[in-house]
């Protein structure tokens, strides 16, 4: 069986303000990777308060804000440099009144409890980086208001990559990602009753947990 392979640098730590700015430019050029996520988000049609986990420099945050004009978004990001660049980025887009950045970790239960409840909590390409995903998911579910949704959008591990002799950030992230069957077992443990796991072309997956 092709198990997860997590590289030592898999925490994706970007130090330095200039590196964070370069990452923002790169993310802006690769918005297509969010196409399925944004399509599904529009179909869910959730209003109210949003919480984005692992918001980085705010590229996706800004895109969501433009498409969901009536929502307020809290953008949680573990890197102070990314947060600083994110504030610059959303200000350039004229969205600073709708997006609030907070420095912190999704696995920090004490911090999570201070942020309140949200109608939608979401993260993209972050799940496979968490050291303890079960704990992080339980923390995040606590933040979802009644009738709300936790939406995890991430890569999906594929078997043939174990024989591809390429080792860059993207391919290493796919090798570290979870299979849909692994996600189902993870969500079955705490007894979640209303969730769906959907394959997204070519190697992504949507995990939607309804509260």
Protein backbone atom coordinates (compact mmCIF):
# COMPACT_ATOMS: atom_id res chain seq x y z
CA UNK A 1 0.00 0.00 0.00
CA UNK A 2 1.30 3.46 -0.84
CA UNK A 3 1.41 5.23 2.50
CA UNK A 4 1.78 8.93 3.21
CA UNK A 5 5.25 10.39 2.80
CA UNK A 6 5.76 13.60 4.78
CA UNK A 7 8.93 15.54 4.06
CA UNK A 8 10.73 17.35 6.88
CA UNK A 9 10.04 20.71 5.24
CA UNK A 10 6.37 19.88 4.81
CA UNK A 11 5.31 22.56 7.31
CA UNK A 12 5.62 25.02 4.41
CA UNK A 13 7.19 27.74 6.56
CA UNK A 14 7.84 30.94 4.61
CA UNK A 15 10.14 33.23 6.52
CA UNK A 16 10.79 36.80 5.53
CA UNK A 17 8.52 39.50 4.20
CA UNK A 18 9.99 39.37 0.68
CA UNK A 19 9.46 35.61 0.42
CA UNK A 20 5.86 36.13 1.52
CA UNK A 21 5.39 38.78 -1.20
CA UNK A 22 6.86 36.44 -3.82
CA UNK A 23 4.49 33.72 -2.65
CA UNK A 24 1.52 36.11 -3.02
CA UNK A 25 2.50 36.83 -6.63
CA UNK A 26 2.84 33.11 -7.34
CA UNK A 27 -0.53 32.35 -5.73
CA UNK A 28 -2.22 35.04 -7.81
CA UNK A 29 -0.98 33.33 -11.00
CA UNK A 30 -2.32 29.92 -9.92
CA UNK A 31 -5.92 30.76 -9.00
CA UNK A 32 -7.14 27.93 -11.27
CA UNK A 33 -6.32 25.46 -8.51
CA UNK A 34 -9.24 26.94 -6.54
CA UNK A 35 -11.77 26.54 -9.37
CA UNK A 36 -13.64 23.54 -7.91
CA UNK A 37 -13.56 25.04 -4.42
CA UNK A 38 -15.05 28.34 -5.59
CA UNK A 39 -17.68 26.56 -7.68
CA UNK A 40 -18.75 24.44 -4.71
CA UNK A 41 -18.73 27.46 -2.40
CA UNK A 42 -21.10 29.32 -4.70
CA UNK A 43 -23.42 26.31 -4.76
CA UNK A 44 -23.46 26.13 -0.94
CA UNK A 45 -24.59 29.80 -0.85
CA UNK A 46 -23.66 30.40 2.79
CA UNK A 47 -24.14 33.88 4.20
CA UNK A 48 -22.83 35.45 7.41
CA UNK A 49 -19.37 35.03 8.96
CA UNK A 50 -16.54 33.07 7.31
CA UNK A 51 -13.30 31.80 8.86
CA UNK A 52 -10.42 30.88 6.54
CA UNK A 53 -7.72 28.65 8.02
CA UNK A 54 -4.20 29.00 6.64
CA UNK A 55 -5.06 32.15 4.70
CA UNK A 56 -1.48 32.86 3.60
CA UNK A 57 -1.19 36.24 1.86
CA UNK A 58 -4.93 36.58 1.37
CA UNK A 59 -5.18 35.77 -2.35
CA UNK A 60 -8.01 33.25 -2.00
CA UNK A 61 -9.50 35.27 0.87
CA UNK A 62 -9.85 38.27 -1.43
CA UNK A 63 -11.35 36.16 -4.22
CA UNK A 64 -13.97 34.74 -1.85
CA UNK A 65 -14.73 38.21 -0.52
CA UNK A 66 -15.29 39.59 -4.03
CA UNK A 67 -17.63 36.71 -4.93
CA UNK A 68 -19.49 36.71 -1.60
CA UNK A 69 -20.02 40.43 -1.19
CA UNK A 70 -22.14 40.30 1.96
CA UNK A 71 -19.90 38.11 4.13
CA UNK A 72 -17.27 39.07 6.70
CA UNK A 73 -14.10 36.96 6.70
CA UNK A 74 -11.63 36.26 9.50
CA UNK A 75 -8.34 35.07 7.97
CA UNK A 76 -6.28 32.89 10.34
CA UNK A 77 -2.63 32.48 9.38
CA UNK A 78 0.25 31.04 11.41
CA UNK A 79 2.99 33.18 9.79
CA UNK A 80 3.37 36.81 10.87
CA UNK A 81 5.10 37.67 7.58
CA UNK A 82 2.28 36.15 5.55
CA UNK A 83 -0.23 38.02 7.69
CA UNK A 84 1.55 41.33 7.09
CA UNK A 85 1.59 40.70 3.34
CA UNK A 86 -2.04 39.60 3.49
CA UNK A 87 -3.05 42.90 5.05
CA UNK A 88 -1.15 44.73 2.30
CA UNK A 89 -2.80 42.59 -0.37
CA UNK A 90 -6.41 43.02 0.77
CA UNK A 91 -5.83 46.77 1.20
CA UNK A 92 -4.68 46.95 -2.43
CA UNK A 93 -7.92 45.20 -3.42
CA UNK A 94 -10.01 47.62 -1.36
CA UNK A 95 -11.30 44.82 0.88
CA UNK A 96 -9.70 45.68 4.24
CA UNK A 97 -13.10 46.52 5.77
CA UNK A 98 -14.39 43.01 5.04
CA UNK A 99 -11.35 40.88 5.97
CA UNK A 100 -9.64 40.69 9.37
CA UNK A 101 -6.33 38.86 9.73
CA UNK A 102 -5.45 36.95 12.92
CA UNK A 103 -2.08 35.30 13.59
CA UNK A 104 -2.54 31.79 14.96
CA UNK A 105 -2.68 28.02 14.53
CA UNK A 106 -5.79 25.93 13.80
CA UNK A 107 -4.49 23.35 16.29
CA UNK A 108 -4.42 25.94 19.11
CA UNK A 109 -7.69 25.17 20.92
CA UNK A 110 -7.42 28.16 23.28
CA UNK A 111 -7.11 30.62 20.39
CA UNK A 112 -9.86 28.96 18.38
CA UNK A 113 -12.31 29.42 21.26
CA UNK A 114 -11.68 33.19 21.35
CA UNK A 115 -12.81 33.76 17.76
CA UNK A 116 -16.48 32.88 18.19
CA UNK A 117 -18.81 31.05 15.81
CA UNK A 118 -18.88 31.13 12.03
CA UNK A 119 -21.39 30.09 9.39
CA UNK A 120 -18.56 28.70 7.26
CA UNK A 121 -15.10 27.55 8.30
CA UNK A 122 -12.87 26.53 5.39
CA UNK A 123 -9.30 25.76 4.46
CA UNK A 124 -7.54 24.90 1.21
CA UNK A 125 -4.38 22.83 0.76
CA UNK A 126 -3.77 22.89 4.51
CA UNK A 127 -5.14 19.61 5.86
CA UNK A 128 -2.12 17.51 4.86
CA UNK A 129 0.22 19.83 6.81
CA UNK A 130 -1.48 19.39 10.20
CA UNK A 131 0.46 17.28 12.70
CA UNK A 132 -2.79 16.14 14.32
CA UNK A 133 -5.63 16.52 11.80
CA UNK A 134 -8.23 14.79 13.98
CA UNK A 135 -7.65 17.32 16.77
CA UNK A 136 -7.64 20.26 14.35
CA UNK A 137 -10.93 19.16 12.76
CA UNK A 138 -12.58 18.79 16.16
CA UNK A 139 -11.36 22.29 17.11
CA UNK A 140 -12.76 23.76 13.91
CA UNK A 141 -16.12 22.01 14.17
CA UNK A 142 -16.58 23.74 17.54
CA UNK A 143 -16.36 27.07 15.71
CA UNK A 144 -19.16 26.28 13.25
CA UNK A 145 -22.53 27.78 14.12
CA UNK A 146 -25.65 25.58 14.06
CA UNK A 147 -26.61 24.93 10.46
CA UNK A 148 -23.10 25.90 9.29
CA UNK A 149 -20.40 24.02 7.40
CA UNK A 150 -16.76 23.06 7.78
CA UNK A 151 -15.26 22.75 4.28
CA UNK A 152 -11.82 21.14 3.90
CA UNK A 153 -10.41 21.33 0.35
CA UNK A 154 -7.14 19.52 -0.16
CA UNK A 155 -4.99 17.37 -2.37
CA UNK A 156 -5.60 13.64 -2.72
CA UNK A 157 -2.79 11.07 -2.72
CA UNK A 158 -2.44 9.11 -5.96
CA UNK A 159 -0.55 5.84 -6.28
CA UNK A 160 1.47 6.55 -9.43
CA UNK A 161 3.31 9.46 -7.84
CA UNK A 162 5.37 7.02 -5.80
CA UNK A 163 7.15 6.09 -9.03
CA UNK A 164 7.57 9.62 -10.39
CA UNK A 165 11.16 10.80 -9.77
CA UNK A 166 10.16 14.41 -9.09
CA UNK A 167 10.59 15.95 -5.66
CA UNK A 168 9.28 19.49 -5.52
CA UNK A 169 6.82 21.17 -3.17
CA UNK A 170 3.74 20.27 -5.19
CA UNK A 171 4.53 16.58 -5.73
CA UNK A 172 5.70 16.21 -2.12
CA UNK A 173 2.40 17.69 -0.94
CA UNK A 174 0.44 15.13 -2.98
CA UNK A 175 2.53 12.34 -1.45
CA UNK A 176 1.67 13.72 2.01
CA UNK A 177 -2.06 14.05 1.29
CA UNK A 178 -4.80 11.69 2.50
CA UNK A 179 -6.90 9.22 0.56
CA UNK A 180 -10.69 9.70 0.65
CA UNK A 181 -10.96 6.36 2.49
CA UNK A 182 -8.53 7.64 5.15
CA UNK A 183 -10.58 10.81 5.52
CA UNK A 184 -13.76 8.76 5.96
CA UNK A 185 -12.17 6.73 8.76
CA UNK A 186 -10.89 9.95 10.36
CA UNK A 187 -14.39 11.47 10.37
CA UNK A 188 -16.10 8.27 11.48
CA UNK A 189 -14.05 8.20 14.72
CA UNK A 190 -15.73 11.19 16.42
CA UNK A 191 -19.08 10.09 15.01
CA UNK A 192 -19.81 12.84 12.51
CA UNK A 193 -23.12 11.95 10.89
CA UNK A 194 -23.54 14.51 8.11
CA UNK A 195 -20.49 14.73 5.89
CA UNK A 196 -19.53 14.07 2.29
CA UNK A 197 -16.21 13.46 0.55
CA UNK A 198 -16.09 14.34 -3.13
CA UNK A 199 -13.29 13.67 -5.59
CA UNK A 200 -12.22 16.74 -7.57
CA UNK A 201 -10.30 16.53 -10.86
CA UNK A 202 -7.43 15.83 -11.18
CA UNK A 203 -6.15 15.04 -7.63
CA UNK A 204 -8.07 17.11 -5.12
CA UNK A 205 -10.94 16.36 -2.76
CA UNK A 206 -13.71 18.27 -1.02
CA UNK A 207 -14.66 17.28 2.52
CA UNK A 208 -17.85 18.98 3.69
CA UNK A 209 -19.03 18.54 7.29
CA UNK A 210 -22.45 19.91 8.18
CA UNK A 211 -23.11 20.93 11.80
